[in-house]
C-alpha atoms as a PDB file:
ATOM      1  CA  MET A   1     187.026  81.559  21.946  1.00  0.00           C
ATOM      2  CA  ASN A   2     186.966  85.142  20.713  1.00  0.00           C
ATOM      3  CA  ASP A   3     183.704  87.049  20.856  1.00  0.00           C
ATOM      4  CA  SER A   4     183.102  86.989  17.079  1.00  0.00           C
ATOM      5  CA  GLY A   5     182.536  83.225  17.019  1.00  0.00           C
ATOM      6  CA  LEU A   6     185.066  82.934  14.186  1.00  0.00           C
ATOM      7  CA  VAL A   7     187.772  80.358  14.736  1.00  0.00           C
ATOM      8  CA  LEU A   8     189.514  81.321  11.480  1.00  0.00           C
ATOM      9  CA  ASP A   9     189.622  84.543   9.485  1.00  0.00           C
ATOM     10  CA  ALA A  10     191.885  84.571   6.416  1.00  0.00           C
ATOM     11  CA  ARG A  11     192.093  88.011   4.836  1.00  0.00           C
ATOM     12  CA  LYS A  12     193.272  88.588   1.260  1.00  0.00           C
ATOM     13  CA  ILE A  13     195.973  85.917   1.285  1.00  0.00           C
ATOM     14  CA  THR A  14     198.390  86.264  -1.626  1.00  0.00           C
ATOM     15  CA  LYS A  15     201.252  83.902  -2.417  1.00  0.00           C
ATOM     16  CA  ALA A  16     203.525  83.655  -5.450  1.00  0.00           C
ATOM     17  CA  TYR A  17     206.524  81.553  -6.407  1.00  0.00           C
ATOM     18  CA  GLY A  18     208.559  83.755  -8.697  1.00  0.00           C
ATOM     19  CA  ASP A  19     206.202  85.019 -11.385  1.00  0.00           C
ATOM     20  CA  HIS A  20     203.625  82.304 -10.704  1.00  0.00           C
ATOM     21  CA  VAL A  21     200.777  83.587  -8.539  1.00  0.00           C
ATOM     22  CA  VAL A  22     199.357  80.661  -6.560  1.00  0.00           C
ATOM     23  CA  LEU A  23     196.924  82.618  -4.374  1.00  0.00           C
ATOM     24  CA  ASN A  24     195.445  85.984  -5.291  1.00  0.00           C
ATOM     25  CA  GLU A  25     193.782  87.779  -2.357  1.00  0.00           C
ATOM     26  CA  VAL A  26     191.936  84.728  -1.034  1.00  0.00           C
ATOM     27  CA  SER A  27     189.667  85.378   1.957  1.00  0.00           C
ATOM     28  CA  LEU A  28     187.744  82.828   4.012  1.00  0.00           C
ATOM     29  CA  GLN A  29     186.029  82.845   7.394  1.00  0.00           C
ATOM     30  CA  VAL A  30     185.172  79.719   9.382  1.00  0.00           C
ATOM     31  CA  SER A  31     182.994  79.474  12.489  1.00  0.00           C
ATOM     32  CA  THR A  32     183.338  77.013  15.340  1.00  0.00           C
ATOM     33  CA  GLY A  33     181.868  73.603  14.500  1.00  0.00           C
ATOM     34  CA  GLU A  34     181.717  74.271  10.767  1.00  0.00           C
ATOM     35  CA  VAL A  35     182.899  71.734   8.191  1.00  0.00           C
ATOM     36  CA  VAL A  36     184.237  73.412   5.047  1.00  0.00           C
ATOM     37  CA  CYS A  37     185.264  71.326   2.029  1.00  0.00           C
ATOM     38  CA  ILE A  38     187.542  72.954  -0.537  1.00  0.00           C
ATOM     39  CA  ILE A  39     187.372  71.497  -4.027  1.00  0.00           C
ATOM     40  CA  GLY A  40     188.861  72.463  -7.368  1.00  0.00           C
ATOM     41  CA  PRO A  41     191.271  71.438 -10.122  1.00  0.00           C
ATOM     42  CA  SER A  42     194.938  70.673  -9.569  1.00  0.00           C
ATOM     43  CA  GLY A  43     197.013  73.828  -9.415  1.00  0.00           C
ATOM     44  CA  ALA A  44     194.154  75.923  -8.031  1.00  0.00           C
ATOM     45  CA  GLY A  45     196.143  76.777  -4.891  1.00  0.00           C
ATOM     46  CA  LYS A  46     194.065  74.672  -2.485  1.00  0.00           C
ATOM     47  CA  SER A  47     196.922  72.984  -0.624  1.00  0.00           C
ATOM     48  CA  THR A  48     199.007  76.138  -0.531  1.00  0.00           C
ATOM     49  CA  PHE A  49     196.082  78.040   0.938  1.00  0.00           C
ATOM     50  CA  LEU A  50     195.625  75.371   3.607  1.00  0.00           C
ATOM     51  CA  ARG A  51     199.318  75.628   4.533  1.00  0.00           C
ATOM     52  CA  THR A  52     199.128  79.402   4.910  1.00  0.00           C
ATOM     53  CA  LEU A  53     196.413  78.987   7.531  1.00  0.00           C
ATOM     54  CA  ASN A  54     198.865  77.543  10.061  1.00  0.00           C
ATOM     55  CA  HIS A  55     201.890  79.459   8.711  1.00  0.00           C
ATOM     56  CA  LEU A  56     203.602  76.414   7.207  1.00  0.00           C
ATOM     57  CA  GLU A  57     203.629  78.706   4.177  1.00  0.00           C
ATOM     58  CA  LYS A  58     204.156  82.387   4.884  1.00  0.00           C
ATOM     59  CA  PRO A  59     201.834  84.546   2.749  1.00  0.00           C
ATOM     60  CA  ASP A  60     203.390  87.312   0.678  1.00  0.00           C
ATOM     61  CA  SER A  61     200.559  89.546   1.824  1.00  0.00           C
ATOM     62  CA  GLY A  62     197.325  89.248   3.751  1.00  0.00           C
ATOM     63  CA  GLU A  63     196.645  88.047   7.277  1.00  0.00           C
ATOM     64  CA  VAL A  64     195.410  84.880   8.963  1.00  0.00           C
ATOM     65  CA  TRP A  65     193.674  85.274  12.321  1.00  0.00           C
ATOM     66  CA  VAL A  66     193.121  82.183  14.469  1.00  0.00           C
ATOM     67  CA  ASP A  67     190.826  82.550  17.459  1.00  0.00           C
ATOM     68  CA  GLY A  68     191.174  86.323  17.323  1.00  0.00           C
ATOM     69  CA  GLU A  69     194.987  86.379  17.104  1.00  0.00           C
ATOM     70  CA  PRO A  70     197.185  86.962  14.024  1.00  0.00           C
ATOM     71  CA  MET A  71     198.968  83.760  12.973  1.00  0.00           C
ATOM     72  CA  GLY A  72     202.732  84.283  12.792  1.00  0.00           C
ATOM     73  CA  PHE A  73     202.573  87.765  14.261  1.00  0.00           C
ATOM     74  CA  ARG A  74     201.714  89.657  17.410  1.00  0.00           C
ATOM     75  CA  LEU A  75     199.669  92.812  17.454  1.00  0.00           C
ATOM     76  CA  ARG A  76     201.098  95.773  19.344  1.00  0.00           C
ATOM     77  CA  ASP A  77     199.949  99.368  19.132  1.00  0.00           C
ATOM     78  CA  GLY A  78     197.965  98.584  16.003  1.00  0.00           C
ATOM     79  CA  LYS A  79     200.946  97.058  14.141  1.00  0.00           C
ATOM     80  CA  LEU A  80     201.865  93.449  13.379  1.00  0.00           C
ATOM     81  CA  TYR A  81     205.303  92.185  14.399  1.00  0.00           C
ATOM     82  CA  GLU A  82     206.629  88.865  13.122  1.00  0.00           C
ATOM     83  CA  LEU A  83     207.071  86.136  15.725  1.00  0.00           C
ATOM     84  CA  SER A  84     210.068  83.838  16.166  1.00  0.00           C
ATOM     85  CA  GLU A  85     209.711  80.313  14.789  1.00  0.00           C
ATOM     86  CA  ARG A  86     209.440  78.967  18.340  1.00  0.00           C
ATOM     87  CA  LYS A  87     206.476  81.223  19.077  1.00  0.00           C
ATOM     88  CA  VAL A  88     204.908  80.443  15.698  1.00  0.00           C
ATOM     89  CA  SER A  89     205.133  76.733  16.571  1.00  0.00           C
ATOM     90  CA  ALA A  90     203.318  77.401  19.827  1.00  0.00           C
ATOM     91  CA  GLN A  91     200.601  79.267  17.910  1.00  0.00           C
ATOM     92  CA  ARG A  92     200.410  76.485  15.338  1.00  0.00           C
ATOM     93  CA  ALA A  93     199.522  74.031  18.104  1.00  0.00           C
ATOM     94  CA  LYS A  94     196.040  75.597  18.116  1.00  0.00           C
ATOM     95  CA  THR A  95     195.551  73.851  14.770  1.00  0.00           C
ATOM     96  CA  ALA A  96     196.406  70.355  13.582  1.00  0.00           C
ATOM     97  CA  MET A  97     197.003  69.143  10.042  1.00  0.00           C
ATOM     98  CA  VAL A  98     196.507  65.757   8.393  1.00  0.00           C
ATOM     99  CA  PHE A  99     198.668  65.342   5.303  1.00  0.00           C
ATOM    100  CA  GLN A 100     198.369  63.192   2.191  1.00  0.00           C
ATOM    101  CA  HIS A 101     201.261  60.915   3.168  1.00  0.00           C
ATOM    102  CA  PHE A 102     200.634  60.382   6.893  1.00  0.00           C
ATOM    103  CA  ASN A 103     204.036  61.734   8.121  1.00  0.00           C
ATOM    104  CA  LEU A 104     204.170  59.264  11.014  1.00  0.00           C
ATOM    105  CA  PHE A 105     207.407  58.522  12.861  1.00  0.00           C
ATOM    106  CA  PRO A 106     208.322  54.992  11.678  1.00  0.00           C
ATOM    107  CA  HIS A 107     210.436  54.209  14.765  1.00  0.00           C
ATOM    108  CA  LEU A 108     207.593  54.966  17.193  1.00  0.00           C
ATOM    109  CA  THR A 109     204.604  52.789  18.003  1.00  0.00           C
ATOM    110  CA  VAL A 110     201.115  53.947  17.067  1.00  0.00           C
ATOM    111  CA  LEU A 111     200.484  55.010  20.678  1.00  0.00           C
ATOM    112  CA  ASP A 112     203.769  56.921  20.888  1.00  0.00           C
ATOM    113  CA  ASN A 113     203.025  58.675  17.587  1.00  0.00           C
ATOM    114  CA  VAL A 114     199.717  59.899  18.990  1.00  0.00           C
ATOM    115  CA  MET A 115     201.310  60.967  22.287  1.00  0.00           C
ATOM    116  CA  GLU A 116     204.286  62.753  20.748  1.00  0.00           C
ATOM    117  CA  GLY A 117     202.694  66.164  20.108  1.00  0.00           C
ATOM    118  CA  PRO A 118     200.789  66.572  23.390  1.00  0.00           C
ATOM    119  CA  VAL A 119     203.837  65.494  25.430  1.00  0.00           C
ATOM    120  CA  ARG A 120     206.684  67.124  23.474  1.00  0.00           C
ATOM    121  CA  VAL A 121     205.006  70.241  22.116  1.00  0.00           C
ATOM    122  CA  GLN A 122     202.259  70.960  24.633  1.00  0.00           C
ATOM    123  CA  ARG A 123     204.247  69.672  27.641  1.00  0.00           C
ATOM    124  CA  ARG A 124     201.258  67.831  29.055  1.00  0.00           C
ATOM    125  CA  PRO A 125     201.718  65.002  31.621  1.00  0.00           C
ATOM    126  CA  ALA A 126     202.508  61.705  29.913  1.00  0.00           C
ATOM    127  CA  ALA A 127     200.100  59.669  32.046  1.00  0.00           C
ATOM    128  CA  THR A 128     197.176  61.944  31.169  1.00  0.00           C
ATOM    129  CA  VAL A 129     198.147  62.038  27.498  1.00  0.00           C
ATOM    130  CA  ARG A 130     198.449  58.243  27.362  1.00  0.00           C
ATOM    131  CA  ALA A 131     194.893  57.767  28.629  1.00  0.00           C
ATOM    132  CA  GLU A 132     193.585  60.364  26.164  1.00  0.00           C
ATOM    133  CA  ALA A 133     195.586  58.838  23.283  1.00  0.00           C
ATOM    134  CA  LEU A 134     194.111  55.388  23.933  1.00  0.00           C
ATOM    135  CA  GLU A 135     190.653  56.939  23.924  1.00  0.00           C
ATOM    136  CA  VAL A 136     191.321  58.707  20.610  1.00  0.00           C
ATOM    137  CA  LEU A 137     192.650  55.485  19.077  1.00  0.00           C
ATOM    138  CA  ALA A 138     189.410  53.798  20.119  1.00  0.00           C
ATOM    139  CA  ARG A 139     187.469  56.568  18.355  1.00  0.00           C
ATOM    140  CA  VAL A 140     189.265  55.806  15.083  1.00  0.00           C
ATOM    141  CA  GLY A 141     188.912  52.037  15.536  1.00  0.00           C
ATOM    142  CA  LEU A 142     192.571  51.234  16.219  1.00  0.00           C
ATOM    143  CA  SER A 143     192.727  50.252  19.880  1.00  0.00           C
ATOM    144  CA  GLU A 144     194.249  46.894  18.982  1.00  0.00           C
ATOM    145  CA  LYS A 145     197.055  48.559  17.021  1.00  0.00           C
ATOM    146  CA  ALA A 146     198.378  50.764  19.858  1.00  0.00           C
ATOM    147  CA  ARG A 147     201.657  48.815  20.138  1.00  0.00           C
ATOM    148  CA  ALA A 148     202.121  48.264  16.404  1.00  0.00           C
ATOM    149  CA  TYR A 149     204.522  50.299  14.252  1.00  0.00           C
ATOM    150  CA  PRO A 150     203.447  52.286  11.174  1.00  0.00           C
ATOM    151  CA  GLY A 151     205.207  49.832   8.862  1.00  0.00           C
ATOM    152  CA  GLN A 152     202.883  47.083  10.086  1.00  0.00           C
ATOM    153  CA  LEU A 153     199.731  48.987   9.118  1.00  0.00           C
ATOM    154  CA  SER A 154     197.769  49.445   5.911  1.00  0.00           C
ATOM    155  CA  GLY A 155     197.633  52.901   4.319  1.00  0.00           C
ATOM    156  CA  GLY A 156     194.126  53.460   5.639  1.00  0.00           C
ATOM    157  CA  GLN A 157     195.192  52.507   9.147  1.00  0.00           C
ATOM    158  CA  ARG A 158     198.211  54.832   8.974  1.00  0.00           C
ATOM    159  CA  GLN A 159     195.978  57.710   7.919  1.00  0.00           C
ATOM    160  CA  ARG A 160     193.606  56.964  10.788  1.00  0.00           C
ATOM    161  CA  VAL A 161     196.595  57.124  13.158  1.00  0.00           C
ATOM    162  CA  ALA A 162     197.505  60.474  11.622  1.00  0.00           C
ATOM    163  CA  ILE A 163     193.961  61.698  12.308  1.00  0.00           C
ATOM    164  CA  ALA A 164     194.140  60.402  15.882  1.00  0.00           C
ATOM    165  CA  ARG A 165     197.449  62.206  16.351  1.00  0.00           C
ATOM    166  CA  ALA A 166     195.882  65.452  15.150  1.00  0.00           C
ATOM    167  CA  VAL A 167     192.810  65.069  17.377  1.00  0.00           C
ATOM    168  CA  ALA A 168     195.014  64.323  20.402  1.00  0.00           C
ATOM    169  CA  MET A 169     196.393  67.866  20.176  1.00  0.00           C
ATOM    170  CA  LYS A 170     192.892  69.170  21.031  1.00  0.00           C
ATOM    171  CA  PRO A 171     193.078  71.772  18.263  1.00  0.00           C
ATOM    172  CA  LEU A 172     190.590  74.532  17.586  1.00  0.00           C
ATOM    173  CA  PHE A 173     190.235  73.095  14.090  1.00  0.00           C
ATOM    174  CA  LEU A 174     191.621  70.345  11.873  1.00  0.00           C
ATOM    175  CA  LEU A 175     193.143  70.902   8.433  1.00  0.00           C
ATOM    176  CA  PHE A 176     192.994  67.981   5.988  1.00  0.00           C
ATOM    177  CA  ASP A 177     195.099  68.142   2.815  1.00  0.00           C
ATOM    178  CA  GLU A 178     193.709  65.550   0.370  1.00  0.00           C
ATOM    179  CA  PRO A 179     193.700  62.914   3.142  1.00  0.00           C
ATOM    180  CA  THR A 180     192.632  60.046   0.876  1.00  0.00           C
ATOM    181  CA  SER A 181     194.600  60.809  -2.289  1.00  0.00           C
ATOM    182  CA  ALA A 182     197.508  58.479  -1.419  1.00  0.00           C
ATOM    183  CA  LEU A 183     195.246  55.556  -0.515  1.00  0.00           C
ATOM    184  CA  ASP A 184     194.170  52.569  -2.558  1.00  0.00           C
ATOM    185  CA  PRO A 185     190.484  52.936  -3.484  1.00  0.00           C
ATOM    186  CA  GLU A 186     189.323  50.153  -1.160  1.00  0.00           C
ATOM    187  CA  LEU A 187     190.893  51.954   1.848  1.00  0.00           C
ATOM    188  CA  VAL A 188     189.344  55.369   1.227  1.00  0.00           C
ATOM    189  CA  GLY A 189     186.020  54.567   2.898  1.00  0.00           C
ATOM    190  CA  GLU A 190     187.476  53.757   6.320  1.00  0.00           C
ATOM    191  CA  VAL A 191     189.222  57.148   6.497  1.00  0.00           C
ATOM    192  CA  LEU A 192     186.184  59.085   5.284  1.00  0.00           C
ATOM    193  CA  THR A 193     184.040  57.307   7.892  1.00  0.00           C
ATOM    194  CA  VAL A 194     186.345  58.517  10.677  1.00  0.00           C
ATOM    195  CA  MET A 195     186.227  62.048   9.275  1.00  0.00           C
ATOM    196  CA  SER A 196     182.434  61.924   9.050  1.00  0.00           C
ATOM    197  CA  ASP A 197     182.268  60.812  12.684  1.00  0.00           C
ATOM    198  CA  LEU A 198     184.468  63.742  13.748  1.00  0.00           C
ATOM    199  CA  ALA A 199     182.238  66.132  11.843  1.00  0.00           C
ATOM    200  CA  ALA A 200     179.163  64.677  13.521  1.00  0.00           C
ATOM    201  CA  GLN A 201     180.827  65.208  16.904  1.00  0.00           C
ATOM    202  CA  GLY A 202     181.212  68.932  16.184  1.00  0.00           C
ATOM    203  CA  MET A 203     184.878  69.128  15.164  1.00  0.00           C
ATOM    204  CA  THR A 204     185.699  72.230  13.121  1.00  0.00           C
ATOM    205  CA  MET A 205     187.292  71.007   9.887  1.00  0.00           C
ATOM    206  CA  LEU A 206     188.698  72.399   6.660  1.00  0.00           C
ATOM    207  CA  VAL A 207     189.105  69.639   4.109  1.00  0.00           C
ATOM    208  CA  VAL A 208     190.832  69.936   0.749  1.00  0.00           C
ATOM    209  CA  THR A 209     189.385  66.961  -1.097  1.00  0.00           C
ATOM    210  CA  HIS A 210     188.515  65.483  -4.459  1.00  0.00           C
ATOM    211  CA  GLU A 211     185.877  63.261  -2.816  1.00  0.00           C
ATOM    212  CA  ILE A 212     182.781  65.099  -4.038  1.00  0.00           C
ATOM    213  CA  GLN A 213     180.362  62.648  -2.454  1.00  0.00           C
ATOM    214  CA  PHE A 214     182.023  63.135   0.938  1.00  0.00           C
ATOM    215  CA  ALA A 215     181.652  66.896   0.558  1.00  0.00           C
ATOM    216  CA  ARG A 216     178.014  66.429  -0.421  1.00  0.00           C
ATOM    217  CA  GLU A 217     177.280  64.368   2.710  1.00  0.00           C
ATOM    218  CA  VAL A 218     179.382  66.119   5.365  1.00  0.00           C
ATOM    219  CA  ALA A 219     180.124  69.737   4.442  1.00  0.00           C
ATOM    220  CA  ASP A 220     178.278  72.709   5.880  1.00  0.00           C
ATOM    221  CA  ARG A 221     179.870  74.792   3.152  1.00  0.00           C
ATOM    222  CA  VAL A 222     181.711  74.018  -0.071  1.00  0.00           C
ATOM    223  CA  VAL A 223     184.397  76.298  -1.467  1.00  0.00           C
ATOM    224  CA  PHE A 224     185.344  75.939  -5.138  1.00  0.00           C
ATOM    225  CA  MET A 225     188.822  77.247  -5.959  1.00  0.00           C
ATOM    226  CA  ALA A 226     190.315  77.764  -9.411  1.00  0.00           C
ATOM    227  CA  ASP A 227     192.858  80.087 -10.995  1.00  0.00           C
ATOM    228  CA  ALA A 228     194.422  81.152  -7.664  1.00  0.00           C
ATOM    229  CA  GLY A 229     191.175  82.260  -6.054  1.00  0.00           C
ATOM    230  CA  ILE A 230     187.759  81.333  -4.711  1.00  0.00           C
ATOM    231  CA  VAL A 231     185.297  81.190  -7.590  1.00  0.00           C
ATOM    232  CA  GLU A 232     182.234  80.216  -5.585  1.00  0.00           C
ATOM    233  CA  GLN A 233     181.283  79.171  -2.074  1.00  0.00           C
ATOM    234  CA  GLY A 234     178.086  78.337  -0.285  1.00  0.00           C
ATOM    235  CA  PRO A 235     175.937  75.470   0.999  1.00  0.00           C
ATOM    236  CA  VAL A 236     176.118  72.071  -0.678  1.00  0.00           C
ATOM    237  CA  GLU A 237     172.769  72.686  -2.367  1.00  0.00           C
ATOM    238  CA  GLN A 238     174.170  75.722  -4.121  1.00  0.00           C
ATOM    239  CA  VAL A 239     177.731  74.793  -5.056  1.00  0.00           C
ATOM    240  CA  LEU A 240     177.365  71.079  -5.816  1.00  0.00           C
ATOM    241  CA  VAL A 241     173.732  70.858  -6.891  1.00  0.00           C
ATOM    242  CA  ALA A 242     172.992  74.208  -8.534  1.00  0.00           C
ATOM    243  CA  PRO A 243     176.290  76.101  -8.982  1.00  0.00           C
ATOM    244  CA  GLN A 244     176.016  79.746  -9.945  1.00  0.00           C
ATOM    245  CA  GLU A 245     179.328  80.048 -11.788  1.00  0.00           C
ATOM    246  CA  ALA A 246     180.133  78.552 -15.188  1.00  0.00           C
ATOM    247  CA  ARG A 247     183.633  77.600 -14.002  1.00  0.00           C
ATOM    248  CA  THR A 248     182.127  75.565 -11.151  1.00  0.00           C
ATOM    249  CA  ARG A 249     179.681  73.822 -13.492  1.00  0.00           C
ATOM    250  CA  GLN A 250     182.504  72.985 -15.896  1.00  0.00           C
ATOM    251  CA  PHE A 251     184.613  71.443 -13.130  1.00  0.00           C
ATOM    252  CA  LEU A 252     181.763  69.379 -11.678  1.00  0.00           C
ATOM    253  CA  LYS A 253     180.723  68.117 -15.100  1.00  0.00           C
ATOM    254  CA  ARG A 254     184.252  66.877 -15.683  1.00  0.00           C
ATOM    255  CA  VAL A 255     184.775  65.160 -12.308  1.00  0.00           C
ATOM    256  CA  LEU A 256     181.291  63.642 -12.033  1.00  0.00           C
ATOM    257  CA  GLU A 257     181.139  62.144 -15.503  1.00  0.00           C
END
């Protein structure tokens, strides 16, 4: 851990697709153990911002620093030099992302899906990884599904495997991109429970979500994004209970009605 205590420092991130500006100088700092929920309307740039944090999307300008190092670059003599994709992938292993649509390997068992990253990417011993993977599967309530294949699981179970796979990488922080949006309503609760448990155990998490109640119960800080930027951020009591900005109040009124 770097001396500042910041695990993530995003500085003036800007991203456009043609003439459409998706992110306009968005900055965000996250400390170790913090749970940050990012809310906002569709098209606000939330998912794109999340993807710039691990360099899945390369910003047009701005910098992302993870654990005191620039993501996608190396610092030499005060200048940033772009890294090769191989080295970016190694950097990216400090983070782990849970997507909307699970992204599991259908031909691998649940256990092999969870083991894949630590063994293939991090080059850790398979026997050690196997024991850790079984432990992580127990944490998400899926010990009995270790030998099953993704196609044999419900959507909620597949997302819990995806979370287990991310945790198995032992990342500095987890990124969640609308992790419940592809699930049937009755399956949402089981995934949110696992996420709440991780938060309670001290996992650093950034969660793009439309689950306002989850943010209310779990977040240390809520960030409201709209119109390509951060409109308001602060503790739950400020942003969700007594928002300062009219744009935030308008959004909450609409989604909570």
